[in-house]
Amino acid sequence: GAYQYLNASSGLIKVTNYSASTNIALGQVRYS
């Protein structure tokens, strides 16, 4: 479950999480 060329425990990784909702009228999935 790891990348060979990413440090295991050092260096900054910025993480972003999302939630999804669906606007049926517009046929659109919005990611926030």
ModelCIF file with pLDDT and N, C-alpha, C, O atoms, coordinates in Angstrom:
data_MODEL
#
_entry.id   MODEL 
#
_entity.id                         1 
_entity.type                       polymer 
_entity.pdbx_number_of_molecules   1 
#
_entity_poly.entity_id                      1 
_entity_poly.type                           'polypeptide(L)' 
_entity_poly.nstd_linkage                   no 
_entity_poly.nstd_monomer                   no 
_entity_poly.pdbx_seq_one_letter_code       GAYQYLNASSGLIKVTNYSASTNIALGQVRYS 
_entity_poly.pdbx_seq_one_letter_code_can   GAYQYLNASSGLIKVTNYSASTNIALGQVRYS 
_entity_poly.pdbx_strand_id                 A 
#
loop_
_entity_poly_seq.entity_id 
_entity_poly_seq.num 
_entity_poly_seq.mon_id 
_entity_poly_seq.hetero 
1 1  GLY n 
1 2  ALA n 
1 3  TYR n 
1 4  GLN n 
1 5  TYR n 
1 6  LEU n 
1 7  ASN n 
1 8  ALA n 
1 9  SER n 
1 10 SER n 
1 11 GLY n 
1 12 LEU n 
1 13 ILE n 
1 14 LYS n 
1 15 VAL n 
1 16 THR n 
1 17 ASN n 
1 18 TYR n 
1 19 SER n 
1 20 ALA n 
1 21 SER n 
1 22 THR n 
1 23 ASN n 
1 24 ILE n 
1 25 ALA n 
1 26 LEU n 
1 27 GLY n 
1 28 GLN n 
1 29 VAL n 
1 30 ARG n 
1 31 TYR n 
1 32 SER n 
#
_struct_asym.id          A 
_struct_asym.entity_id   1 
#
loop_
_ma_qa_metric.id 
_ma_qa_metric.mode 
_ma_qa_metric.name 
_ma_qa_metric.software_group_id 
_ma_qa_metric.type 
1 global pLDDT . pLDDT 
2 local  pLDDT . pLDDT 
#
_ma_qa_metric_global.metric_id      1 
_ma_qa_metric_global.metric_value   83.56 
_ma_qa_metric_global.model_id       1 
_ma_qa_metric_global.ordinal_id     1 
#
loop_
_ma_qa_metric_local.label_asym_id 
_ma_qa_metric_local.label_comp_id 
_ma_qa_metric_local.label_seq_id 
_ma_qa_metric_local.metric_id 
_ma_qa_metric_local.metric_value 
_ma_qa_metric_local.model_id 
_ma_qa_metric_local.ordinal_id 
A GLY 1  2 96.00 1 1  
A ALA 2  2 97.00 1 2  
A TYR 3  2 98.00 1 3  
A GLN 4  2 98.00 1 4  
A TYR 5  2 98.00 1 5  
A LEU 6  2 98.00 1 6  
A ASN 7  2 98.00 1 7  
A ALA 8  2 97.00 1 8  
A SER 9  2 97.00 1 9  
A SER 10 2 98.00 1 10 
A GLY 11 2 98.00 1 11 
A LEU 12 2 98.00 1 12 
A ILE 13 2 98.00 1 13 
A LYS 14 2 98.00 1 14 
A VAL 15 2 98.00 1 15 
A THR 16 2 96.00 1 16 
A ASN 17 2 94.00 1 17 
A TYR 18 2 89.00 1 18 
A SER 19 2 84.00 1 19 
A ALA 20 2 74.00 1 20 
A SER 21 2 68.00 1 21 
A THR 22 2 62.00 1 22 
A ASN 23 2 64.00 1 23 
A ILE 24 2 57.00 1 24 
A ALA 25 2 57.00 1 25 
A LEU 26 2 60.00 1 26 
A GLY 27 2 62.00 1 27 
A GLN 28 2 62.00 1 28 
A VAL 29 2 64.00 1 29 
A ARG 30 2 66.00 1 30 
A TYR 31 2 71.00 1 31 
A SER 32 2 79.00 1 32 
#
loop_
_atom_site.group_PDB 
_atom_site.id 
_atom_site.type_symbol 
_atom_site.label_atom_id 
_atom_site.label_alt_id 
_atom_site.label_comp_id 
_atom_site.label_asym_id 
_atom_site.label_entity_id 
_atom_site.label_seq_id 
_atom_site.pdbx_PDB_ins_code 
_atom_site.Cartn_x 
_atom_site.Cartn_y 
_atom_site.Cartn_z 
_atom_site.occupancy 
_atom_site.B_iso_or_equiv 
_atom_site.pdbx_formal_charge 
_atom_site.auth_seq_id 
_atom_site.auth_comp_id 
_atom_site.auth_asym_id 
_atom_site.auth_atom_id 
_atom_site.pdbx_PDB_model_num 
ATOM 1   N N  . GLY A 1 1  ? 0.808   -1.217 0.000   1.00 96.00 ? 1  GLY A N  1 
ATOM 2   C CA . GLY A 1 1  ? 0.000   0.000  0.000   1.00 96.00 ? 1  GLY A CA 1 
ATOM 3   C C  . GLY A 1 1  ? 0.836   1.258  0.000   1.00 96.00 ? 1  GLY A C  1 
ATOM 4   O O  . GLY A 1 1  ? 0.406   2.286  0.524   1.00 96.00 ? 1  GLY A O  1 
ATOM 5   N N  . ALA A 1 2  ? 2.028   1.197  -0.580  1.00 97.00 ? 2  ALA A N  1 
ATOM 6   C CA . ALA A 1 2  ? 2.936   2.343  -0.553  1.00 97.00 ? 2  ALA A CA 1 
ATOM 7   C C  . ALA A 1 2  ? 3.617   2.528  -1.900  1.00 97.00 ? 2  ALA A C  1 
ATOM 8   O O  . ALA A 1 2  ? 3.754   1.582  -2.676  1.00 97.00 ? 2  ALA A O  1 
ATOM 9   N N  . TYR A 1 3  ? 4.047   3.774  -2.170  1.00 98.00 ? 3  TYR A N  1 
ATOM 10  C CA . TYR A 1 3  ? 4.817   4.110  -3.363  1.00 98.00 ? 3  TYR A CA 1 
ATOM 11  C C  . TYR A 1 3  ? 6.310   3.980  -3.054  1.00 98.00 ? 3  TYR A C  1 
ATOM 12  O O  . TYR A 1 3  ? 6.773   4.395  -1.992  1.00 98.00 ? 3  TYR A O  1 
ATOM 13  N N  . GLN A 1 4  ? 7.054   3.400  -3.998  1.00 98.00 ? 4  GLN A N  1 
ATOM 14  C CA . GLN A 1 4  ? 8.486   3.231  -3.805  1.00 98.00 ? 4  GLN A CA 1 
ATOM 15  C C  . GLN A 1 4  ? 9.209   4.567  -3.713  1.00 98.00 ? 4  GLN A C  1 
ATOM 16  O O  . GLN A 1 4  ? 10.177  4.695  -2.965  1.00 98.00 ? 4  GLN A O  1 
ATOM 17  N N  . TYR A 1 5  ? 8.744   5.575  -4.475  1.00 98.00 ? 5  TYR A N  1 
ATOM 18  C CA . TYR A 1 5  ? 9.479   6.835  -4.569  1.00 98.00 ? 5  TYR A CA 1 
ATOM 19  C C  . TYR A 1 5  ? 8.798   7.979  -3.821  1.00 98.00 ? 5  TYR A C  1 
ATOM 20  O O  . TYR A 1 5  ? 8.995   9.148  -4.155  1.00 98.00 ? 5  TYR A O  1 
ATOM 21  N N  . LEU A 1 6  ? 7.992   7.641  -2.803  1.00 98.00 ? 6  LEU A N  1 
ATOM 22  C CA . LEU A 1 6  ? 7.498   8.621  -1.843  1.00 98.00 ? 6  LEU A CA 1 
ATOM 23  C C  . LEU A 1 6  ? 8.059   8.251  -0.476  1.00 98.00 ? 6  LEU A C  1 
ATOM 24  O O  . LEU A 1 6  ? 8.073   7.080  -0.096  1.00 98.00 ? 6  LEU A O  1 
ATOM 25  N N  . ASN A 1 7  ? 8.523   9.264  0.264   1.00 98.00 ? 7  ASN A N  1 
ATOM 26  C CA . ASN A 1 7  ? 9.053   8.994  1.597   1.00 98.00 ? 7  ASN A CA 1 
ATOM 27  C C  . ASN A 1 7  ? 7.966   8.427  2.502   1.00 98.00 ? 7  ASN A C  1 
ATOM 28  O O  . ASN A 1 7  ? 6.802   8.820  2.424   1.00 98.00 ? 7  ASN A O  1 
ATOM 29  N N  . ALA A 1 8  ? 8.369   7.503  3.355   1.00 97.00 ? 8  ALA A N  1 
ATOM 30  C CA . ALA A 1 8  ? 7.405   6.843  4.234   1.00 97.00 ? 8  ALA A CA 1 
ATOM 31  C C  . ALA A 1 8  ? 6.947   7.744  5.376   1.00 97.00 ? 8  ALA A C  1 
ATOM 32  O O  . ALA A 1 8  ? 5.765   7.749  5.718   1.00 97.00 ? 8  ALA A O  1 
ATOM 33  N N  . SER A 1 9  ? 7.857   8.500  5.965   1.00 97.00 ? 9  SER A N  1 
ATOM 34  C CA . SER A 1 9  ? 7.492   9.255  7.167   1.00 97.00 ? 9  SER A CA 1 
ATOM 35  C C  . SER A 1 9  ? 8.091   10.651 7.221   1.00 97.00 ? 9  SER A C  1 
ATOM 36  O O  . SER A 1 9  ? 8.177   11.248 8.294   1.00 97.00 ? 9  SER A O  1 
ATOM 37  N N  . SER A 1 10 ? 8.500   11.171 6.084   1.00 98.00 ? 10 SER A N  1 
ATOM 38  C CA . SER A 1 10 ? 9.063   12.524 6.065   1.00 98.00 ? 10 SER A CA 1 
ATOM 39  C C  . SER A 1 10 ? 8.606   13.255 4.813   1.00 98.00 ? 10 SER A C  1 
ATOM 40  O O  . SER A 1 10 ? 8.304   12.642 3.789   1.00 98.00 ? 10 SER A O  1 
ATOM 41  N N  . GLY A 1 11 ? 8.562   14.569 4.916   1.00 98.00 ? 11 GLY A N  1 
ATOM 42  C CA . GLY A 1 11 ? 8.156   15.389 3.784   1.00 98.00 ? 11 GLY A CA 1 
ATOM 43  C C  . GLY A 1 11 ? 6.677   15.731 3.838   1.00 98.00 ? 11 GLY A C  1 
ATOM 44  O O  . GLY A 1 11 ? 5.867   14.962 4.355   1.00 98.00 ? 11 GLY A O  1 
ATOM 45  N N  . LEU A 1 12 ? 6.336   16.889 3.301   1.00 98.00 ? 12 LEU A N  1 
ATOM 46  C CA . LEU A 1 12 ? 4.968   17.404 3.367   1.00 98.00 ? 12 LEU A CA 1 
ATOM 47  C C  . LEU A 1 12 ? 4.094   16.845 2.256   1.00 98.00 ? 12 LEU A C  1 
ATOM 48  O O  . LEU A 1 12 ? 4.446   16.917 1.078   1.00 98.00 ? 12 LEU A O  1 
ATOM 49  N N  . ILE A 1 13 ? 2.944   16.283 2.644   1.00 98.00 ? 13 ILE A N  1 
ATOM 50  C CA . ILE A 1 13 ? 1.910   15.886 1.690   1.00 98.00 ? 13 ILE A CA 1 
ATOM 51  C C  . ILE A 1 13 ? 0.627   16.598 2.078   1.00 98.00 ? 13 ILE A C  1 
ATOM 52  O O  . ILE A 1 13 ? 0.130   16.432 3.191   1.00 98.00 ? 13 ILE A O  1 
ATOM 53  N N  . LYS A 1 14 ? 0.087   17.394 1.154   1.00 98.00 ? 14 LYS A N  1 
ATOM 54  C CA . LYS A 1 14 ? -1.185  18.072 1.379   1.00 98.00 ? 14 LYS A CA 1 
ATOM 55  C C  . LYS A 1 14 ? -2.323  17.141 0.956   1.00 98.00 ? 14 LYS A C  1 
ATOM 56  O O  . LYS A 1 14 ? -2.283  16.548 -0.122  1.00 98.00 ? 14 LYS A O  1 
ATOM 57  N N  . VAL A 1 15 ? -3.331  17.020 1.810   1.00 98.00 ? 15 VAL A N  1 
ATOM 58  C CA . VAL A 1 15 ? -4.428  16.082 1.589   1.00 98.00 ? 15 VAL A CA 1 
ATOM 59  C C  . VAL A 1 15 ? -5.743  16.851 1.498   1.00 98.00 ? 15 VAL A C  1 
ATOM 60  O O  . VAL A 1 15 ? -6.005  17.749 2.298   1.00 98.00 ? 15 VAL A O  1 
ATOM 61  N N  . THR A 1 16 ? -6.569  16.488 0.508   1.00 96.00 ? 16 THR A N  1 
ATOM 62  C CA . THR A 1 16 ? -7.885  17.104 0.347   1.00 96.00 ? 16 THR A CA 1 
ATOM 63  C C  . THR A 1 16 ? -8.947  16.018 0.312   1.00 96.00 ? 16 THR A C  1 
ATOM 64  O O  . THR A 1 16 ? -8.811  15.034 -0.414  1.00 96.00 ? 16 THR A O  1 
ATOM 65  N N  . ASN A 1 17 ? -10.006 16.196 1.098   1.00 94.00 ? 17 ASN A N  1 
ATOM 66  C CA . ASN A 1 17 ? -11.137 15.277 1.109   1.00 94.00 ? 17 ASN A CA 1 
ATOM 67  C C  . ASN A 1 17 ? -12.353 15.960 0.509   1.00 94.00 ? 17 ASN A C  1 
ATOM 68  O O  . ASN A 1 17 ? -12.483 17.182 0.576   1.00 94.00 ? 17 ASN A O  1 
ATOM 69  N N  . TYR A 1 18 ? -13.251 15.165 -0.082  1.00 89.00 ? 18 TYR A N  1 
ATOM 70  C CA . TYR A 1 18 ? -14.406 15.708 -0.798  1.00 89.00 ? 18 TYR A CA 1 
ATOM 71  C C  . TYR A 1 18 ? -15.693 15.029 -0.352  1.00 89.00 ? 18 TYR A C  1 
ATOM 72  O O  . TYR A 1 18 ? -15.691 13.901 0.140   1.00 89.00 ? 18 TYR A O  1 
ATOM 73  N N  . SER A 1 19 ? -16.791 15.753 -0.541  1.00 84.00 ? 19 SER A N  1 
ATOM 74  C CA . SER A 1 19 ? -18.125 15.169 -0.440  1.00 84.00 ? 19 SER A CA 1 
ATOM 75  C C  . SER A 1 19 ? -18.832 15.421 -1.750  1.00 84.00 ? 19 SER A C  1 
ATOM 76  O O  . SER A 1 19 ? -18.585 16.431 -2.410  1.00 84.00 ? 19 SER A O  1 
ATOM 77  N N  . ALA A 1 20 ? -19.709 14.512 -2.132  1.00 74.00 ? 20 ALA A N  1 
ATOM 78  C CA . ALA A 1 20 ? -20.398 14.614 -3.421  1.00 74.00 ? 20 ALA A CA 1 
ATOM 79  C C  . ALA A 1 20 ? -21.893 14.711 -3.200  1.00 74.00 ? 20 ALA A C  1 
ATOM 80  O O  . ALA A 1 20 ? -22.449 14.060 -2.315  1.00 74.00 ? 20 ALA A O  1 
ATOM 81  N N  . SER A 1 21 ? -22.539 15.533 -4.017  1.00 68.00 ? 21 SER A N  1 
ATOM 82  C CA . SER A 1 21 ? -23.993 15.608 -4.015  1.00 68.00 ? 21 SER A CA 1 
ATOM 83  C C  . SER A 1 21 ? -24.467 15.707 -5.448  1.00 68.00 ? 21 SER A C  1 
ATOM 84  O O  . SER A 1 21 ? -23.737 16.189 -6.316  1.00 68.00 ? 21 SER A O  1 
ATOM 85  N N  . THR A 1 22 ? -25.685 15.255 -5.703  1.00 62.00 ? 22 THR A N  1 
ATOM 86  C CA . THR A 1 22 ? -26.208 15.223 -7.057  1.00 62.00 ? 22 THR A CA 1 
ATOM 87  C C  . THR A 1 22 ? -27.356 16.201 -7.217  1.00 62.00 ? 22 THR A C  1 
ATOM 88  O O  . THR A 1 22 ? -28.317 16.169 -6.447  1.00 62.00 ? 22 THR A O  1 
ATOM 89  N N  . ASN A 1 23 ? -27.261 17.076 -8.220  1.00 64.00 ? 23 ASN A N  1 
ATOM 90  C CA . ASN A 1 23 ? -28.356 17.957 -8.599  1.00 64.00 ? 23 ASN A CA 1 
ATOM 91  C C  . ASN A 1 23 ? -29.086 17.283 -9.753  1.00 64.00 ? 23 ASN A C  1 
ATOM 92  O O  . ASN A 1 23 ? -28.648 17.368 -10.900 1.00 64.00 ? 23 ASN A O  1 
ATOM 93  N N  . ILE A 1 24 ? -30.196 16.614 -9.457  1.00 57.00 ? 24 ILE A N  1 
ATOM 94  C CA . ILE A 1 24 ? -30.886 15.828 -10.470 1.00 57.00 ? 24 ILE A CA 1 
ATOM 95  C C  . ILE A 1 24 ? -31.407 16.711 -11.597 1.00 57.00 ? 24 ILE A C  1 
ATOM 96  O O  . ILE A 1 24 ? -31.371 16.315 -12.762 1.00 57.00 ? 24 ILE A O  1 
ATOM 97  N N  . ALA A 1 25 ? -31.891 17.909 -11.257 1.00 57.00 ? 25 ALA A N  1 
ATOM 98  C CA . ALA A 1 25 ? -32.461 18.788 -12.284 1.00 57.00 ? 25 ALA A CA 1 
ATOM 99  C C  . ALA A 1 25 ? -31.434 19.176 -13.329 1.00 57.00 ? 25 ALA A C  1 
ATOM 100 O O  . ALA A 1 25 ? -31.758 19.335 -14.506 1.00 57.00 ? 25 ALA A O  1 
ATOM 101 N N  . LEU A 1 26 ? -30.174 19.330 -12.884 1.00 60.00 ? 26 LEU A N  1 
ATOM 102 C CA . LEU A 1 26 ? -29.112 19.720 -13.810 1.00 60.00 ? 26 LEU A CA 1 
ATOM 103 C C  . LEU A 1 26 ? -28.297 18.523 -14.279 1.00 60.00 ? 26 LEU A C  1 
ATOM 104 O O  . LEU A 1 26 ? -27.368 18.670 -15.074 1.00 60.00 ? 26 LEU A O  1 
ATOM 105 N N  . GLY A 1 27 ? -28.647 17.333 -13.785 1.00 62.00 ? 27 GLY A N  1 
ATOM 106 C CA . GLY A 1 27 ? -27.889 16.149 -14.173 1.00 62.00 ? 27 GLY A CA 1 
ATOM 107 C C  . GLY A 1 27 ? -26.438 16.239 -13.777 1.00 62.00 ? 27 GLY A C  1 
ATOM 108 O O  . GLY A 1 27 ? -25.560 15.789 -14.514 1.00 62.00 ? 27 GLY A O  1 
ATOM 109 N N  . GLN A 1 28 ? -26.171 16.818 -12.615 1.00 62.00 ? 28 GLN A N  1 
ATOM 110 C CA . GLN A 1 28 ? -24.815 17.210 -12.265 1.00 62.00 ? 28 GLN A CA 1 
ATOM 111 C C  . GLN A 1 28 ? -24.422 16.674 -10.903 1.00 62.00 ? 28 GLN A C  1 
ATOM 112 O O  . GLN A 1 28 ? -25.167 16.821 -9.934  1.00 62.00 ? 28 GLN A O  1 
ATOM 113 N N  . VAL A 1 29 ? -23.260 16.057 -10.826 1.00 64.00 ? 29 VAL A N  1 
ATOM 114 C CA . VAL A 1 29 ? -22.677 15.677 -9.552  1.00 64.00 ? 29 VAL A CA 1 
ATOM 115 C C  . VAL A 1 29 ? -21.704 16.778 -9.136  1.00 64.00 ? 29 VAL A C  1 
ATOM 116 O O  . VAL A 1 29 ? -20.757 17.089 -9.858  1.00 64.00 ? 29 VAL A O  1 
ATOM 117 N N  . ARG A 1 30 ? -21.947 17.352 -7.980  1.00 66.00 ? 30 ARG A N  1 
ATOM 118 C CA . ARG A 1 30 ? -21.088 18.428 -7.490  1.00 66.00 ? 30 ARG A CA 1 
ATOM 119 C C  . ARG A 1 30 ? -20.142 17.874 -6.441  1.00 66.00 ? 30 ARG A C  1 
ATOM 120 O O  . ARG A 1 30 ? -20.551 17.105 -5.570  1.00 66.00 ? 30 ARG A O  1 
ATOM 121 N N  . TYR A 1 31 ? -18.885 18.261 -6.522  1.00 71.00 ? 31 TYR A N  1 
ATOM 122 C CA . TYR A 1 31 ? -17.887 17.835 -5.549  1.00 71.00 ? 31 TYR A CA 1 
ATOM 123 C C  . TYR A 1 31 ? -17.465 19.053 -4.746  1.00 71.00 ? 31 TYR A C  1 
ATOM 124 O O  . TYR A 1 31 ? -17.031 20.064 -5.298  1.00 71.00 ? 31 TYR A O  1 
ATOM 125 N N  . SER A 1 32 ? -17.600 18.939 -3.441  1.00 79.00 ? 32 SER A N  1 
ATOM 126 C CA . SER A 1 32 ? -17.244 20.034 -2.555  1.00 79.00 ? 32 SER A CA 1 
ATOM 127 C C  . SER A 1 32 ? -16.171 19.556 -1.589  1.00 79.00 ? 32 SER A C  1 
ATOM 128 O O  . SER A 1 32 ? -15.716 20.324 -0.741  1.00 79.00 ? 32 SER A O  1 
#
